Amino acid sequence: MTIQKRLFFLLGALSVPALPVPALTTAARATPVEDKPSFPTISYWDNWTDPQGVTHLTKCKMSTFHEDSITPSGDKVMLSTPHDGPATVTIRVQPPHWKGGWNESHQVQWIVPLSGIYFVKAMDGTSVELNPGDVLLSEDVAPVAHGTDPKGHESGNVGDAAVALQILKFGEATPSHVPCQGQ
């Protein structure tokens, strides 16, 4: 079972796009009760390390959900499979113009900007800007330096604002070394 599938439930409250709603037309009719809504697709960026130790950023889609209720009398919701190991949740506020330099993740972590714009650049040169509600799976564990090139990822703030991030670190999770594993 992939880390993406096991961990999504923790991020669901932070970044859940609205389910598709059909456009109303003059011939609109009520949807039968037995019809179920489409299962959601959640986009995220995967910062992963290939077998040669080079980090990459790949746009992925999480789409494996099951329908369940979170309370006996509540409506059903879409859930991914939960992660069963321990996690550390941190809110980090980076001051305006903050730059983190090149570094590597020591644990698999999910990062969700809460405010401001956060950038991440991988060793392959790919760079992304993450806005509030975007999701990054940072699993660039154990990258390898090639010559004088930096290793890991570079990150920092974009613009003049502070950036607030919610970071969920999972000490027992194993990085996949394959982008979008199981998606």
N, C-alpha and C. Protein backbone atom coordinates (compact mmCIF):
# COMPACT_ATOMS: atom_id res chain seq x y z
N MET A 1 0.86 -1.17 0.00
CA MET A 1 0.00 0.00 0.00
C MET A 1 0.91 1.24 0.00
N THR A 2 0.62 2.21 -0.82
CA THR A 2 1.52 3.36 -0.96
C THR A 2 1.36 4.35 0.18
N ILE A 3 2.41 5.11 0.39
CA ILE A 3 2.38 6.15 1.43
C ILE A 3 1.32 7.18 1.11
N GLN A 4 1.12 7.49 -0.20
CA GLN A 4 0.10 8.47 -0.56
C GLN A 4 -1.27 8.01 -0.11
N LYS A 5 -1.59 6.75 -0.32
CA LYS A 5 -2.89 6.22 0.06
C LYS A 5 -3.04 6.21 1.58
N ARG A 6 -1.97 5.87 2.30
CA ARG A 6 -2.06 5.74 3.74
C ARG A 6 -2.13 7.08 4.45
N LEU A 7 -1.62 8.13 3.86
CA LEU A 7 -1.50 9.38 4.57
C LEU A 7 -2.53 10.43 4.19
N PHE A 8 -3.24 10.26 3.10
CA PHE A 8 -4.09 11.33 2.62
C PHE A 8 -5.13 11.78 3.64
N PHE A 9 -5.64 10.88 4.44
CA PHE A 9 -6.71 11.27 5.34
C PHE A 9 -6.29 12.41 6.25
N LEU A 10 -5.02 12.54 6.61
CA LEU A 10 -4.56 13.64 7.45
C LEU A 10 -4.58 14.97 6.74
N LEU A 11 -4.47 14.95 5.42
CA LEU A 11 -4.45 16.19 4.65
C LEU A 11 -5.84 16.60 4.19
N GLY A 12 -6.78 15.71 4.24
CA GLY A 12 -8.10 15.97 3.70
C GLY A 12 -8.73 17.24 4.23
N ALA A 13 -8.56 17.53 5.50
CA ALA A 13 -9.19 18.72 6.08
C ALA A 13 -8.51 19.99 5.60
N LEU A 14 -7.31 19.88 5.05
CA LEU A 14 -6.58 21.06 4.64
C LEU A 14 -6.84 21.46 3.19
N SER A 15 -7.02 20.48 2.32
CA SER A 15 -7.10 20.79 0.91
C SER A 15 -8.01 19.80 0.20
N VAL A 16 -9.28 20.06 0.26
CA VAL A 16 -10.23 19.18 -0.41
C VAL A 16 -10.99 19.99 -1.45
N PRO A 17 -10.77 19.71 -2.72
CA PRO A 17 -11.50 20.46 -3.74
C PRO A 17 -12.96 20.03 -3.75
N ALA A 18 -13.78 20.92 -4.23
CA ALA A 18 -15.20 20.61 -4.32
C ALA A 18 -15.41 19.49 -5.33
N LEU A 19 -16.39 18.64 -5.06
CA LEU A 19 -16.73 17.60 -6.01
C LEU A 19 -17.36 18.24 -7.23
N PRO A 20 -17.22 17.63 -8.41
CA PRO A 20 -17.79 18.22 -9.61
C PRO A 20 -19.31 18.38 -9.46
N VAL A 21 -19.80 19.52 -9.90
CA VAL A 21 -21.23 19.79 -9.87
C VAL A 21 -21.69 19.98 -11.31
N PRO A 22 -22.71 19.23 -11.75
CA PRO A 22 -23.14 19.38 -13.13
C PRO A 22 -23.72 20.76 -13.38
N ALA A 23 -23.48 21.29 -14.57
CA ALA A 23 -24.01 22.60 -14.93
C ALA A 23 -25.53 22.49 -15.07
N LEU A 24 -26.23 23.52 -14.62
CA LEU A 24 -27.68 23.53 -14.74
C LEU A 24 -28.06 24.00 -16.13
N THR A 25 -29.01 23.33 -16.71
CA THR A 25 -29.54 23.73 -18.01
C THR A 25 -31.05 23.81 -17.87
N THR A 26 -31.71 24.26 -18.90
CA THR A 26 -33.17 24.35 -18.84
C THR A 26 -33.80 22.97 -18.74
N ALA A 27 -33.07 21.92 -19.13
CA ALA A 27 -33.60 20.56 -19.07
C ALA A 27 -33.08 19.82 -17.84
N ALA A 28 -32.62 20.55 -16.82
CA ALA A 28 -32.07 19.90 -15.63
C ALA A 28 -33.13 19.06 -14.94
N ARG A 29 -32.70 17.91 -14.40
CA ARG A 29 -33.62 17.06 -13.65
C ARG A 29 -32.92 16.60 -12.39
N ALA A 30 -33.66 16.19 -11.43
CA ALA A 30 -33.10 15.74 -10.16
C ALA A 30 -32.28 14.48 -10.37
N THR A 31 -31.17 14.37 -9.63
CA THR A 31 -30.35 13.18 -9.67
C THR A 31 -30.96 12.14 -8.74
N PRO A 32 -31.12 10.91 -9.20
CA PRO A 32 -31.68 9.88 -8.32
C PRO A 32 -30.82 9.69 -7.07
N VAL A 33 -31.45 9.37 -5.97
CA VAL A 33 -30.76 9.21 -4.70
C VAL A 33 -29.71 8.12 -4.75
N GLU A 34 -29.91 7.06 -5.53
CA GLU A 34 -28.98 5.95 -5.55
C GLU A 34 -27.68 6.29 -6.28
N ASP A 35 -27.66 7.37 -7.07
CA ASP A 35 -26.42 7.76 -7.74
C ASP A 35 -25.43 8.27 -6.70
N LYS A 36 -24.16 7.88 -6.85
CA LYS A 36 -23.11 8.31 -5.94
C LYS A 36 -22.28 9.39 -6.62
N PRO A 37 -21.74 10.34 -5.83
CA PRO A 37 -20.90 11.38 -6.44
C PRO A 37 -19.62 10.76 -7.01
N SER A 38 -19.04 11.43 -7.96
CA SER A 38 -17.76 10.98 -8.51
C SER A 38 -16.71 10.98 -7.41
N PHE A 39 -15.79 10.05 -7.49
CA PHE A 39 -14.72 10.03 -6.52
C PHE A 39 -13.76 11.17 -6.85
N PRO A 40 -13.25 11.85 -5.83
CA PRO A 40 -12.40 13.01 -6.08
C PRO A 40 -11.02 12.63 -6.60
N THR A 41 -10.37 13.58 -7.21
CA THR A 41 -8.97 13.47 -7.60
C THR A 41 -8.26 14.65 -6.96
N ILE A 42 -7.25 14.37 -6.19
CA ILE A 42 -6.49 15.41 -5.50
C ILE A 42 -5.10 15.50 -6.14
N SER A 43 -4.71 16.68 -6.60
CA SER A 43 -3.38 16.88 -7.17
C SER A 43 -2.38 17.19 -6.07
N TYR A 44 -1.17 16.69 -6.25
CA TYR A 44 -0.08 17.00 -5.32
C TYR A 44 1.24 16.90 -6.09
N TRP A 45 2.27 17.49 -5.53
CA TRP A 45 3.61 17.40 -6.09
C TRP A 45 4.39 16.37 -5.29
N ASP A 46 5.11 15.50 -5.98
CA ASP A 46 5.95 14.49 -5.34
C ASP A 46 7.40 14.87 -5.56
N ASN A 47 8.12 15.15 -4.47
CA ASN A 47 9.55 15.44 -4.51
C ASN A 47 10.25 14.14 -4.12
N TRP A 48 10.72 13.40 -5.12
CA TRP A 48 11.23 12.05 -4.91
C TRP A 48 12.68 11.94 -5.38
N THR A 49 13.35 10.89 -4.94
CA THR A 49 14.74 10.63 -5.30
C THR A 49 14.82 9.37 -6.14
N ASP A 50 15.47 9.46 -7.31
CA ASP A 50 15.59 8.27 -8.17
C ASP A 50 16.73 7.37 -7.66
N PRO A 51 16.90 6.18 -8.24
CA PRO A 51 17.95 5.26 -7.77
C PRO A 51 19.38 5.81 -7.88
N GLN A 52 19.59 6.83 -8.73
CA GLN A 52 20.92 7.44 -8.84
C GLN A 52 21.11 8.56 -7.82
N GLY A 53 20.09 8.84 -6.99
CA GLY A 53 20.20 9.86 -5.95
C GLY A 53 19.82 11.26 -6.39
N VAL A 54 19.23 11.40 -7.58
CA VAL A 54 18.83 12.71 -8.10
C VAL A 54 17.37 12.96 -7.71
N THR A 55 17.09 14.17 -7.21
CA THR A 55 15.72 14.50 -6.84
C THR A 55 14.95 15.08 -8.02
N HIS A 56 13.64 14.84 -8.02
CA HIS A 56 12.75 15.28 -9.07
C HIS A 56 11.44 15.75 -8.45
N LEU A 57 10.74 16.64 -9.13
CA LEU A 57 9.40 17.07 -8.75
C LEU A 57 8.44 16.62 -9.84
N THR A 58 7.44 15.83 -9.48
CA THR A 58 6.48 15.30 -10.44
C THR A 58 5.07 15.61 -9.96
N LYS A 59 4.24 16.14 -10.86
CA LYS A 59 2.83 16.41 -10.55
C LYS A 59 2.08 15.09 -10.58
N CYS A 60 1.37 14.78 -9.49
CA CYS A 60 0.67 13.51 -9.36
C CYS A 60 -0.80 13.75 -9.03
N LYS A 61 -1.58 12.70 -9.16
CA LYS A 61 -3.00 12.75 -8.80
C LYS A 61 -3.30 11.58 -7.88
N MET A 62 -3.91 11.89 -6.77
CA MET A 62 -4.37 10.88 -5.83
C MET A 62 -5.84 10.64 -6.13
N SER A 63 -6.18 9.39 -6.43
CA SER A 63 -7.56 9.13 -6.82
C SER A 63 -8.12 7.84 -6.22
N THR A 64 -7.41 7.22 -5.31
CA THR A 64 -7.88 5.99 -4.70
C THR A 64 -8.55 6.30 -3.38
N PHE A 65 -9.87 6.29 -3.39
CA PHE A 65 -10.66 6.61 -2.21
C PHE A 65 -11.74 5.55 -2.03
N HIS A 66 -12.24 5.45 -0.83
CA HIS A 66 -13.41 4.61 -0.58
C HIS A 66 -14.44 5.46 0.17
N GLU A 67 -15.69 5.08 0.03
CA GLU A 67 -16.76 5.82 0.66
C GLU A 67 -17.05 5.22 2.03
N ASP A 68 -17.15 6.08 3.05
CA ASP A 68 -17.43 5.62 4.41
C ASP A 68 -18.00 6.78 5.20
N SER A 69 -18.47 6.48 6.37
CA SER A 69 -18.98 7.51 7.27
C SER A 69 -18.02 7.66 8.43
N ILE A 70 -17.82 8.87 8.91
CA ILE A 70 -16.91 9.08 10.05
C ILE A 70 -17.66 9.07 11.38
N THR A 71 -19.00 9.06 11.33
CA THR A 71 -19.83 8.93 12.53
C THR A 71 -21.00 8.02 12.18
N PRO A 72 -21.55 7.33 13.16
CA PRO A 72 -22.66 6.41 12.86
C PRO A 72 -23.85 7.08 12.19
N SER A 73 -24.15 8.32 12.52
CA SER A 73 -25.32 8.98 11.94
C SER A 73 -24.96 9.99 10.86
N GLY A 74 -23.68 10.12 10.52
CA GLY A 74 -23.25 11.13 9.56
C GLY A 74 -23.34 10.68 8.12
N ASP A 75 -23.35 11.65 7.24
CA ASP A 75 -23.31 11.37 5.81
C ASP A 75 -21.97 10.74 5.46
N LYS A 76 -21.94 10.06 4.34
CA LYS A 76 -20.70 9.42 3.90
C LYS A 76 -19.77 10.45 3.28
N VAL A 77 -18.48 10.17 3.40
CA VAL A 77 -17.42 11.00 2.83
C VAL A 77 -16.47 10.09 2.07
N MET A 78 -15.56 10.68 1.30
CA MET A 78 -14.55 9.94 0.58
C MET A 78 -13.28 9.92 1.43
N LEU A 79 -12.72 8.74 1.67
CA LEU A 79 -11.53 8.59 2.50
C LEU A 79 -10.46 7.80 1.76
N SER A 80 -9.22 8.12 2.07
CA SER A 80 -8.13 7.26 1.64
C SER A 80 -7.82 6.34 2.81
N THR A 81 -6.87 5.45 2.63
CA THR A 81 -6.49 4.54 3.70
C THR A 81 -5.58 5.27 4.67
N PRO A 82 -5.85 5.18 5.98
CA PRO A 82 -5.04 5.93 6.94
C PRO A 82 -3.64 5.36 7.13
N HIS A 83 -2.73 6.22 7.56
CA HIS A 83 -1.38 5.81 7.94
C HIS A 83 -1.45 5.33 9.39
N ASP A 84 -0.83 4.21 9.70
CA ASP A 84 -0.93 3.63 11.02
C ASP A 84 0.24 3.97 11.94
N GLY A 85 1.26 4.65 11.44
CA GLY A 85 2.43 4.94 12.25
C GLY A 85 2.37 6.31 12.89
N PRO A 86 3.35 6.61 13.73
CA PRO A 86 3.38 7.91 14.41
C PRO A 86 3.73 9.05 13.45
N ALA A 87 3.18 10.22 13.75
CA ALA A 87 3.44 11.40 12.93
C ALA A 87 3.68 12.60 13.85
N THR A 88 4.44 13.55 13.35
CA THR A 88 4.67 14.81 14.04
C THR A 88 4.08 15.91 13.17
N VAL A 89 3.25 16.76 13.75
CA VAL A 89 2.64 17.85 13.02
C VAL A 89 3.26 19.16 13.52
N THR A 90 3.73 19.96 12.59
CA THR A 90 4.35 21.24 12.93
C THR A 90 3.75 22.33 12.05
N ILE A 91 3.51 23.49 12.63
CA ILE A 91 3.20 24.68 11.85
C ILE A 91 4.48 25.51 11.86
N ARG A 92 4.99 25.81 10.68
CA ARG A 92 6.23 26.59 10.57
C ARG A 92 5.91 27.90 9.88
N VAL A 93 6.35 29.02 10.45
CA VAL A 93 6.18 30.33 9.84
C VAL A 93 7.56 30.84 9.45
N GLN A 94 7.74 31.06 8.16
CA GLN A 94 9.01 31.54 7.62
C GLN A 94 8.88 33.04 7.37
N PRO A 95 9.80 33.84 7.88
CA PRO A 95 9.69 35.30 7.72
C PRO A 95 9.80 35.71 6.25
N PRO A 96 9.37 36.93 5.92
CA PRO A 96 9.48 37.41 4.54
C PRO A 96 10.90 37.23 4.00
N HIS A 97 11.00 36.85 2.74
CA HIS A 97 12.26 36.67 2.01
C HIS A 97 13.09 35.49 2.51
N TRP A 98 12.51 34.58 3.29
CA TRP A 98 13.24 33.43 3.82
C TRP A 98 13.68 32.51 2.69
N LYS A 99 14.92 32.04 2.75
CA LYS A 99 15.46 31.04 1.83
C LYS A 99 16.07 29.92 2.67
N GLY A 100 15.74 28.69 2.34
CA GLY A 100 16.21 27.55 3.11
C GLY A 100 17.51 26.95 2.61
N GLY A 101 17.97 27.37 1.44
CA GLY A 101 19.18 26.77 0.89
C GLY A 101 18.92 25.33 0.47
N TRP A 102 19.97 24.64 0.05
CA TRP A 102 19.86 23.25 -0.38
C TRP A 102 19.92 22.34 0.84
N ASN A 103 18.99 21.41 0.91
CA ASN A 103 18.97 20.44 2.01
C ASN A 103 18.18 19.23 1.55
N GLU A 104 18.13 18.23 2.40
CA GLU A 104 17.38 17.02 2.08
C GLU A 104 16.39 16.71 3.19
N SER A 105 15.35 16.00 2.85
CA SER A 105 14.40 15.56 3.86
C SER A 105 14.97 14.33 4.55
N HIS A 106 14.83 14.26 5.86
CA HIS A 106 15.31 13.11 6.62
C HIS A 106 14.18 12.14 6.92
N GLN A 107 12.95 12.57 6.68
CA GLN A 107 11.77 11.75 6.86
C GLN A 107 10.79 12.09 5.74
N VAL A 108 9.93 11.14 5.43
CA VAL A 108 8.85 11.42 4.48
C VAL A 108 7.93 12.43 5.16
N GLN A 109 7.55 13.47 4.42
CA GLN A 109 6.69 14.49 5.00
C GLN A 109 5.75 15.07 3.95
N TRP A 110 4.57 15.44 4.41
CA TRP A 110 3.60 16.16 3.60
C TRP A 110 3.65 17.61 4.02
N ILE A 111 3.73 18.52 3.06
CA ILE A 111 3.83 19.95 3.35
C ILE A 111 2.66 20.65 2.65
N VAL A 112 1.92 21.46 3.40
CA VAL A 112 0.79 22.20 2.86
C VAL A 112 0.94 23.67 3.24
N PRO A 113 1.18 24.57 2.27
CA PRO A 113 1.20 26.00 2.60
C PRO A 113 -0.18 26.44 3.10
N LEU A 114 -0.18 27.19 4.20
CA LEU A 114 -1.40 27.75 4.75
C LEU A 114 -1.58 29.20 4.34
N SER A 115 -0.45 29.91 4.18
CA SER A 115 -0.48 31.29 3.69
C SER A 115 0.85 31.59 3.01
N GLY A 116 0.84 32.55 2.10
CA GLY A 116 2.04 32.90 1.36
C GLY A 116 2.31 31.90 0.23
N ILE A 117 3.39 32.15 -0.51
CA ILE A 117 3.78 31.28 -1.62
C ILE A 117 5.16 30.70 -1.31
N TYR A 118 5.27 29.38 -1.41
CA TYR A 118 6.47 28.61 -1.06
C TYR A 118 7.00 27.98 -2.34
N PHE A 119 8.33 28.01 -2.55
CA PHE A 119 8.89 27.35 -3.73
C PHE A 119 9.78 26.19 -3.31
N VAL A 120 9.87 25.22 -4.20
CA VAL A 120 10.77 24.08 -4.03
C VAL A 120 11.43 23.82 -5.38
N LYS A 121 12.75 23.58 -5.36
CA LYS A 121 13.49 23.27 -6.58
C LYS A 121 14.24 21.96 -6.35
N ALA A 122 14.12 21.03 -7.31
CA ALA A 122 14.79 19.72 -7.23
C ALA A 122 16.13 19.77 -7.94
N MET A 123 16.92 18.72 -7.74
CA MET A 123 18.25 18.63 -8.36
C MET A 123 18.18 18.60 -9.88
N ASP A 124 17.08 18.09 -10.45
CA ASP A 124 16.96 18.03 -11.91
C ASP A 124 16.61 19.38 -12.53
N GLY A 125 16.47 20.43 -11.68
CA GLY A 125 16.17 21.78 -12.17
C GLY A 125 14.69 22.13 -12.14
N THR A 126 13.83 21.15 -11.89
CA THR A 126 12.39 21.42 -11.82
C THR A 126 12.10 22.25 -10.59
N SER A 127 11.28 23.28 -10.74
CA SER A 127 10.91 24.15 -9.64
C SER A 127 9.41 24.37 -9.66
N VAL A 128 8.79 24.38 -8.48
CA VAL A 128 7.35 24.64 -8.39
C VAL A 128 7.10 25.69 -7.31
N GLU A 129 6.03 26.45 -7.53
CA GLU A 129 5.54 27.39 -6.52
C GLU A 129 4.26 26.82 -5.96
N LEU A 130 4.18 26.74 -4.64
CA LEU A 130 3.03 26.17 -3.97
C LEU A 130 2.25 27.28 -3.28
N ASN A 131 0.97 27.38 -3.59
CA ASN A 131 0.07 28.36 -3.00
C ASN A 131 -0.68 27.73 -1.84
N PRO A 132 -1.35 28.53 -1.01
CA PRO A 132 -2.12 27.95 0.09
C PRO A 132 -3.08 26.86 -0.41
N GLY A 133 -3.03 25.72 0.27
CA GLY A 133 -3.88 24.59 -0.09
C GLY A 133 -3.23 23.60 -1.04
N ASP A 134 -2.11 23.97 -1.70
CA ASP A 134 -1.39 23.01 -2.53
C ASP A 134 -0.74 21.98 -1.61
N VAL A 135 -0.37 20.84 -2.17
CA VAL A 135 0.17 19.75 -1.36
C VAL A 135 1.48 19.26 -1.98
N LEU A 136 2.49 19.07 -1.13
CA LEU A 136 3.78 18.53 -1.54
C LEU A 136 4.10 17.31 -0.70
N LEU A 137 4.39 16.19 -1.36
CA LEU A 137 4.92 15.01 -0.68
C LEU A 137 6.43 15.10 -0.82
N SER A 138 7.13 15.34 0.29
CA SER A 138 8.58 15.49 0.26
C SER A 138 9.19 14.18 0.73
N GLU A 139 9.65 13.39 -0.24
CA GLU A 139 10.28 12.11 0.08
C GLU A 139 11.66 12.02 -0.57
N ASP A 140 12.34 13.17 -0.63
CA ASP A 140 13.69 13.19 -1.20
C ASP A 140 14.70 12.80 -0.13
N VAL A 141 14.52 11.61 0.39
CA VAL A 141 15.39 11.07 1.43
C VAL A 141 16.61 10.43 0.77
N ALA A 142 17.79 10.72 1.28
CA ALA A 142 19.06 10.15 0.82
C ALA A 142 19.44 10.49 -0.61
N PRO A 143 19.36 11.77 -1.01
CA PRO A 143 19.87 12.13 -2.34
C PRO A 143 21.40 12.03 -2.34
N VAL A 144 21.97 11.97 -3.53
CA VAL A 144 23.42 11.83 -3.67
C VAL A 144 23.95 13.01 -4.47
N ALA A 145 24.99 13.67 -3.94
CA ALA A 145 25.63 14.77 -4.66
C ALA A 145 26.41 14.22 -5.85
N HIS A 146 26.33 14.92 -6.97
CA HIS A 146 27.07 14.54 -8.18
C HIS A 146 28.07 15.66 -8.46
N GLY A 147 29.32 15.40 -8.16
CA GLY A 147 30.35 16.42 -8.32
C GLY A 147 30.11 17.57 -7.35
N THR A 148 30.15 18.78 -7.87
CA THR A 148 29.95 19.96 -7.01
C THR A 148 28.49 20.42 -6.99
N ASP A 149 27.60 19.68 -7.68
CA ASP A 149 26.19 20.05 -7.69
C ASP A 149 25.60 19.89 -6.29
N PRO A 150 24.65 20.74 -5.94
CA PRO A 150 23.99 20.60 -4.63
C PRO A 150 23.13 19.34 -4.60
N LYS A 151 22.80 18.88 -3.39
CA LYS A 151 21.94 17.70 -3.30
C LYS A 151 20.69 18.01 -2.49
N GLY A 152 19.63 17.28 -2.80
CA GLY A 152 18.37 17.45 -2.10
C GLY A 152 17.46 18.40 -2.85
N HIS A 153 17.00 19.41 -2.13
CA HIS A 153 16.12 20.42 -2.73
C HIS A 153 16.44 21.78 -2.13
N GLU A 154 16.09 22.80 -2.88
CA GLU A 154 16.19 24.17 -2.40
C GLU A 154 14.76 24.66 -2.17
N SER A 155 14.56 25.45 -1.14
CA SER A 155 13.21 25.96 -0.88
C SER A 155 13.27 27.35 -0.29
N GLY A 156 12.13 28.04 -0.35
CA GLY A 156 12.06 29.37 0.22
C GLY A 156 10.73 30.03 -0.08
N ASN A 157 10.65 31.28 0.30
CA ASN A 157 9.44 32.07 0.09
C ASN A 157 9.52 32.79 -1.25
N VAL A 158 8.35 33.01 -1.84
CA VAL A 158 8.24 33.81 -3.06
C VAL A 158 7.55 35.11 -2.66
N GLY A 159 8.10 36.24 -3.07
CA GLY A 159 7.48 37.53 -2.78
C GLY A 159 7.88 38.07 -1.42
N ASP A 160 7.13 39.07 -0.96
CA ASP A 160 7.48 39.80 0.26
C ASP A 160 6.74 39.34 1.50
N ALA A 161 5.94 38.31 1.41
CA ALA A 161 5.13 37.87 2.55
C ALA A 161 5.81 36.72 3.31
N ALA A 162 5.44 36.60 4.57
CA ALA A 162 5.82 35.42 5.34
C ALA A 162 5.05 34.23 4.78
N VAL A 163 5.55 33.03 5.02
CA VAL A 163 4.90 31.81 4.56
C VAL A 163 4.65 30.92 5.77
N ALA A 164 3.42 30.45 5.91
CA ALA A 164 3.08 29.49 6.96
C ALA A 164 2.84 28.13 6.32
N LEU A 165 3.48 27.10 6.87
CA LEU A 165 3.37 25.75 6.34
C LEU A 165 2.89 24.81 7.43
N GLN A 166 2.04 23.86 7.07
CA GLN A 166 1.74 22.75 7.96
C GLN A 166 2.55 21.58 7.44
N ILE A 167 3.34 20.98 8.33
CA ILE A 167 4.25 19.89 7.95
C ILE A 167 3.90 18.67 8.78
N LEU A 168 3.63 17.57 8.10
CA LEU A 168 3.32 16.30 8.74
C LEU A 168 4.48 15.35 8.45
N LYS A 169 5.29 15.03 9.47
CA LYS A 169 6.46 14.16 9.29
C LYS A 169 6.13 12.76 9.80
N PHE A 170 6.55 11.76 9.00
CA PHE A 170 6.29 10.37 9.33
C PHE A 170 7.60 9.61 9.44
N GLY A 171 8.04 9.35 10.66
CA GLY A 171 9.32 8.71 10.91
C GLY A 171 9.43 7.30 10.40
N GLU A 172 8.32 6.56 10.32
CA GLU A 172 8.36 5.17 9.90
C GLU A 172 8.01 4.96 8.44
N ALA A 173 7.69 6.01 7.71
CA ALA A 173 7.32 5.87 6.30
C ALA A 173 8.57 5.67 5.46
N THR A 174 8.45 4.87 4.43
CA THR A 174 9.56 4.60 3.52
C THR A 174 9.31 5.32 2.20
N PRO A 175 10.30 6.10 1.73
CA PRO A 175 10.12 6.77 0.44
C PRO A 175 10.03 5.73 -0.68
N SER A 176 9.24 6.05 -1.70
CA SER A 176 8.99 5.08 -2.78
C SER A 176 10.11 5.04 -3.82
N HIS A 177 10.81 6.12 -4.05
CA HIS A 177 11.81 6.26 -5.10
C HIS A 177 11.20 6.08 -6.49
N VAL A 178 9.88 6.21 -6.58
CA VAL A 178 9.14 6.16 -7.85
C VAL A 178 8.08 7.25 -7.75
N PRO A 179 7.94 8.12 -8.75
CA PRO A 179 6.93 9.17 -8.65
C PRO A 179 5.51 8.61 -8.69
N CYS A 180 4.63 9.26 -7.95
CA CYS A 180 3.21 8.95 -8.00
C CYS A 180 2.94 7.47 -7.75
N GLN A 181 3.67 6.88 -6.85
CA GLN A 181 3.57 5.44 -6.58
C GLN A 181 2.12 5.01 -6.36
N GLY A 182 1.65 4.10 -7.17
CA GLY A 182 0.32 3.53 -7.01
C GLY A 182 -0.82 4.42 -7.45
N GLN A 183 -0.55 5.53 -8.09
CA GLN A 183 -1.63 6.43 -8.48
C GLN A 183 -2.01 6.23 -9.91
